[in-house]
Structures are given as C-alpha cells and as structure tokens.
Amino acid sequence: MTDANERAVQAAIDGEFRLKDPEVRASPALVRELLDPEFREIGASGRWWDAESILAVTGDGTVTEESPIKVRDISGVVLAPGIVQLTYFSDHQGRGAWRSSLWRLTETGWRMYFHQGTLAG
C-alpha cells in the first residue's frame, strides 16, 4: 500500500472511531461534520437511514464511556482515489455486528458516504 493510500485508510479509520466517541455522538454538529450530505445507511435492523434520521439516534445517550461501542478486526482499502472502504466487527452491549462503511474525500475532508451493519451471533 502506498503512503497516500495508508493515509487515506487511516483518515477513514480515525473518522469511524470519532463516530463511536460518546462526546462526538452527543453533538449533532460534530456528527454532521463526519457524514456526507448524501449519507445513507442500511442498519443492522434492516432500516434505511439518512443523515438527518441518524442524528436522532447518535445522540440518544446509549453509547457512553461506561458502555462504549467496541471495535475489532478493522481494516480498510482504497477502492478508487478519494474512496475508502472499511470493514470491522462492532459490539455494543452484547449486540455484535459486522460493519462496512464507505468514506469519500470531500472539499471539507473525509466523510462517511455509506454504512451497513449485519447482525452477527
């Protein structure tokens, strides 16, 4: 992987972890900075989300320092210039899911364009 690709993947990983941070999640403005205006998600529940609807749940207080989202096996790949795909496993309060997200480079930085979760036993 080239240095530029490594930096791109790391920027996406950093953004992904910021979206897991309880302080960031509590601030719609900070979450909005990390989501692409065209953001879409297929949640682990099967529900479709957009940027506005996801803001209603990221700040609901279920993710705290005492009850964090745990992430393991995170990896990323540059699919095309300015596009990174991440995959990882998350666990929150015993609810595990395999996750995939697409990050794209915009004029304001790396922003999540798409996210999907699939429940795992």
C-alpha atoms as a PDB file:
ATOM      1  CA  MET A   1       0.000   0.000   0.000  1.00  0.00           C
ATOM      2  CA  THR A   2       1.367   3.431  -0.891  1.00  0.00           C
ATOM      3  CA  ASP A   3       1.846   6.136   1.723  1.00  0.00           C
ATOM      4  CA  ALA A   4      -1.073   8.078   0.217  1.00  0.00           C
ATOM      5  CA  ASN A   5      -3.317   5.012   0.466  1.00  0.00           C
ATOM      6  CA  GLU A   6      -2.202   4.353   4.034  1.00  0.00           C
ATOM      7  CA  ARG A   7      -3.024   7.973   4.971  1.00  0.00           C
ATOM      8  CA  ALA A   8      -6.430   7.713   3.298  1.00  0.00           C
ATOM      9  CA  VAL A   9      -7.292   4.486   5.130  1.00  0.00           C
ATOM     10  CA  GLN A  10      -6.079   5.938   8.434  1.00  0.00           C
ATOM     11  CA  ALA A  11      -8.188   9.078   7.920  1.00  0.00           C
ATOM     12  CA  ALA A  12     -11.269   6.902   7.390  1.00  0.00           C
ATOM     13  CA  ILE A  13     -10.452   4.805  10.463  1.00  0.00           C
ATOM     14  CA  ASP A  14      -9.991   7.967  12.515  1.00  0.00           C
ATOM     15  CA  GLY A  15     -13.382   9.221  11.327  1.00  0.00           C
ATOM     16  CA  GLU A  16     -15.026   5.893  12.105  1.00  0.00           C
ATOM     17  CA  PHE A  17     -13.687   5.964  15.663  1.00  0.00           C
ATOM     18  CA  ARG A  18     -14.771   9.573  16.107  1.00  0.00           C
ATOM     19  CA  LEU A  19     -18.316   8.494  15.229  1.00  0.00           C
ATOM     20  CA  LYS A  20     -18.092   5.933  18.051  1.00  0.00           C
ATOM     21  CA  ASP A  21     -16.970   8.565  20.605  1.00  0.00           C
ATOM     22  CA  PRO A  22     -19.770   9.415  23.081  1.00  0.00           C
ATOM     23  CA  GLU A  23     -18.812  13.117  23.103  1.00  0.00           C
ATOM     24  CA  VAL A  24     -18.944  13.340  19.316  1.00  0.00           C
ATOM     25  CA  ARG A  25     -22.228  11.386  19.187  1.00  0.00           C
ATOM     26  CA  ALA A  26     -23.771  13.841  21.661  1.00  0.00           C
ATOM     27  CA  SER A  27     -23.110  16.731  19.258  1.00  0.00           C
ATOM     28  CA  PRO A  28     -25.195  16.802  16.071  1.00  0.00           C
ATOM     29  CA  ALA A  29     -22.779  19.382  14.651  1.00  0.00           C
ATOM     30  CA  LEU A  30     -19.771  17.078  15.136  1.00  0.00           C
ATOM     31  CA  VAL A  31     -21.611  14.058  13.718  1.00  0.00           C
ATOM     32  CA  ARG A  32     -22.757  16.135  10.728  1.00  0.00           C
ATOM     33  CA  GLU A  33     -19.107  17.067  10.021  1.00  0.00           C
ATOM     34  CA  LEU A  34     -18.324  13.372   9.590  1.00  0.00           C
ATOM     35  CA  LEU A  35     -21.331  12.426   7.448  1.00  0.00           C
ATOM     36  CA  ASP A  36     -21.530  13.135   3.747  1.00  0.00           C
ATOM     37  CA  PRO A  37     -24.638  15.169   2.834  1.00  0.00           C
ATOM     38  CA  GLU A  38     -25.679  12.174   0.690  1.00  0.00           C
ATOM     39  CA  PHE A  39     -25.097   9.704   3.549  1.00  0.00           C
ATOM     40  CA  ARG A  40     -27.192   6.534   3.594  1.00  0.00           C
ATOM     41  CA  GLU A  41     -27.126   3.548   5.915  1.00  0.00           C
ATOM     42  CA  ILE A  42     -28.678   0.129   5.994  1.00  0.00           C
ATOM     43  CA  GLY A  43     -28.706  -0.561   9.705  1.00  0.00           C
ATOM     44  CA  ALA A  44     -28.255  -3.933  11.342  1.00  0.00           C
ATOM     45  CA  SER A  45     -32.025  -3.801  11.924  1.00  0.00           C
ATOM     46  CA  GLY A  46     -32.613  -3.578   8.164  1.00  0.00           C
ATOM     47  CA  ARG A  47     -33.815   0.021   8.437  1.00  0.00           C
ATOM     48  CA  TRP A  48     -32.679   2.653   5.923  1.00  0.00           C
ATOM     49  CA  TRP A  49     -31.224   5.844   7.411  1.00  0.00           C
ATOM     50  CA  ASP A  50     -30.114   9.181   6.013  1.00  0.00           C
ATOM     51  CA  ALA A  51     -28.007  11.905   7.630  1.00  0.00           C
ATOM     52  CA  GLU A  52     -30.965  13.573   9.342  1.00  0.00           C
ATOM     53  CA  SER A  53     -32.528  10.404  10.733  1.00  0.00           C
ATOM     54  CA  ILE A  54     -29.209   9.051  12.022  1.00  0.00           C
ATOM     55  CA  LEU A  55     -28.655  12.267  14.003  1.00  0.00           C
ATOM     56  CA  ALA A  56     -31.732  11.429  16.068  1.00  0.00           C
ATOM     57  CA  VAL A  57     -30.166   8.199  17.353  1.00  0.00           C
ATOM     58  CA  THR A  58     -26.462   9.008  17.616  1.00  0.00           C
ATOM     59  CA  GLY A  59     -27.155  11.400  20.487  1.00  0.00           C
ATOM     60  CA  ASP A  60     -29.600   9.160  22.365  1.00  0.00           C
ATOM     61  CA  GLY A  61     -27.133   8.541  25.206  1.00  0.00           C
ATOM     62  CA  THR A  62     -26.879   4.765  24.810  1.00  0.00           C
ATOM     63  CA  VAL A  63     -23.181   4.988  23.919  1.00  0.00           C
ATOM     64  CA  THR A  64     -21.243   6.212  26.956  1.00  0.00           C
ATOM     65  CA  GLU A  65     -17.759   5.905  28.421  1.00  0.00           C
ATOM     66  CA  GLU A  66     -19.194   3.110  30.593  1.00  0.00           C
ATOM     67  CA  SER A  67     -20.977   1.455  27.647  1.00  0.00           C
ATOM     68  CA  PRO A  68     -18.782   2.051  24.580  1.00  0.00           C
ATOM     69  CA  ILE A  69     -19.007   0.572  21.124  1.00  0.00           C
ATOM     70  CA  LYS A  70     -16.156  -1.938  20.939  1.00  0.00           C
ATOM     71  CA  VAL A  71     -14.462  -2.408  17.573  1.00  0.00           C
ATOM     72  CA  ARG A  72     -12.186  -5.209  16.410  1.00  0.00           C
ATOM     73  CA  ASP A  73     -10.732  -6.530  13.170  1.00  0.00           C
ATOM     74  CA  ILE A  74     -10.900  -3.148  11.436  1.00  0.00           C
ATOM     75  CA  SER A  75      -9.271  -2.920   8.034  1.00  0.00           C
ATOM     76  CA  GLY A  76      -9.510  -0.650   5.057  1.00  0.00           C
ATOM     77  CA  VAL A  77      -8.797  -0.497   1.371  1.00  0.00           C
ATOM     78  CA  VAL A  78      -8.689   2.319  -1.143  1.00  0.00           C
ATOM     79  CA  LEU A  79     -11.254   1.425  -3.820  1.00  0.00           C
ATOM     80  CA  ALA A  80     -10.507   4.440  -6.028  1.00  0.00           C
ATOM     81  CA  PRO A  81      -8.870   7.816  -5.492  1.00  0.00           C
ATOM     82  CA  GLY A  82     -10.810   9.510  -2.696  1.00  0.00           C
ATOM     83  CA  ILE A  83     -12.868   6.392  -1.786  1.00  0.00           C
ATOM     84  CA  VAL A  84     -12.046   4.098   1.172  1.00  0.00           C
ATOM     85  CA  GLN A  85     -13.956   1.049   2.352  1.00  0.00           C
ATOM     86  CA  LEU A  86     -13.659  -0.062   5.969  1.00  0.00           C
ATOM     87  CA  THR A  87     -14.828  -3.360   7.404  1.00  0.00           C
ATOM     88  CA  TYR A  88     -14.890  -4.349  11.072  1.00  0.00           C
ATOM     89  CA  PHE A  89     -16.796  -6.065  13.853  1.00  0.00           C
ATOM     90  CA  SER A  90     -18.581  -3.997  16.485  1.00  0.00           C
ATOM     91  CA  ASP A  91     -20.109  -4.928  19.795  1.00  0.00           C
ATOM     92  CA  HIS A  92     -22.357  -2.715  21.859  1.00  0.00           C
ATOM     93  CA  GLN A  93     -23.991  -4.115  24.957  1.00  0.00           C
ATOM     94  CA  GLY A  94     -23.639  -7.675  23.628  1.00  0.00           C
ATOM     95  CA  ARG A  95     -25.100  -6.875  20.198  1.00  0.00           C
ATOM     96  CA  GLY A  96     -22.470  -7.831  17.630  1.00  0.00           C
ATOM     97  CA  ALA A  97     -22.470  -6.791  14.001  1.00  0.00           C
ATOM     98  CA  TRP A  98     -20.176  -6.933  11.010  1.00  0.00           C
ATOM     99  CA  ARG A  99     -19.955  -3.458   9.539  1.00  0.00           C
ATOM    100  CA  SER A 100     -18.818  -1.874   6.328  1.00  0.00           C
ATOM    101  CA  SER A 101     -18.539   1.793   5.521  1.00  0.00           C
ATOM    102  CA  LEU A 102     -17.529   3.862   2.546  1.00  0.00           C
ATOM    103  CA  TRP A 103     -15.697   7.109   3.125  1.00  0.00           C
ATOM    104  CA  ARG A 104     -15.149   9.698   0.456  1.00  0.00           C
ATOM    105  CA  LEU A 105     -12.818  12.651   0.356  1.00  0.00           C
ATOM    106  CA  THR A 106     -14.667  15.953   0.006  1.00  0.00           C
ATOM    107  CA  GLU A 107     -13.501  19.541  -0.016  1.00  0.00           C
ATOM    108  CA  THR A 108     -14.089  19.560   3.765  1.00  0.00           C
ATOM    109  CA  GLY A 109     -12.269  16.277   4.443  1.00  0.00           C
ATOM    110  CA  TRP A 110     -13.124  12.588   4.747  1.00  0.00           C
ATOM    111  CA  ARG A 111     -16.819  11.930   5.287  1.00  0.00           C
ATOM    112  CA  MET A 112     -18.836   8.746   5.617  1.00  0.00           C
ATOM    113  CA  TYR A 113     -20.914   8.229   2.468  1.00  0.00           C
ATOM    114  CA  PHE A 114     -22.445   4.798   3.187  1.00  0.00           C
ATOM    115  CA  HIS A 115     -22.648   2.373   6.097  1.00  0.00           C
ATOM    116  CA  GLN A 116     -24.118  -1.098   6.523  1.00  0.00           C
ATOM    117  CA  GLY A 117     -24.391  -3.360   9.528  1.00  0.00           C
ATOM    118  CA  THR A 118     -25.214  -7.074   9.601  1.00  0.00           C
ATOM    119  CA  LEU A 119     -26.072  -8.683  12.914  1.00  0.00           C
ATOM    120  CA  ALA A 120     -23.768 -11.491  13.971  1.00  0.00           C
ATOM    121  CA  GLY A 121     -24.415 -14.077  16.654  1.00  0.00           C
END
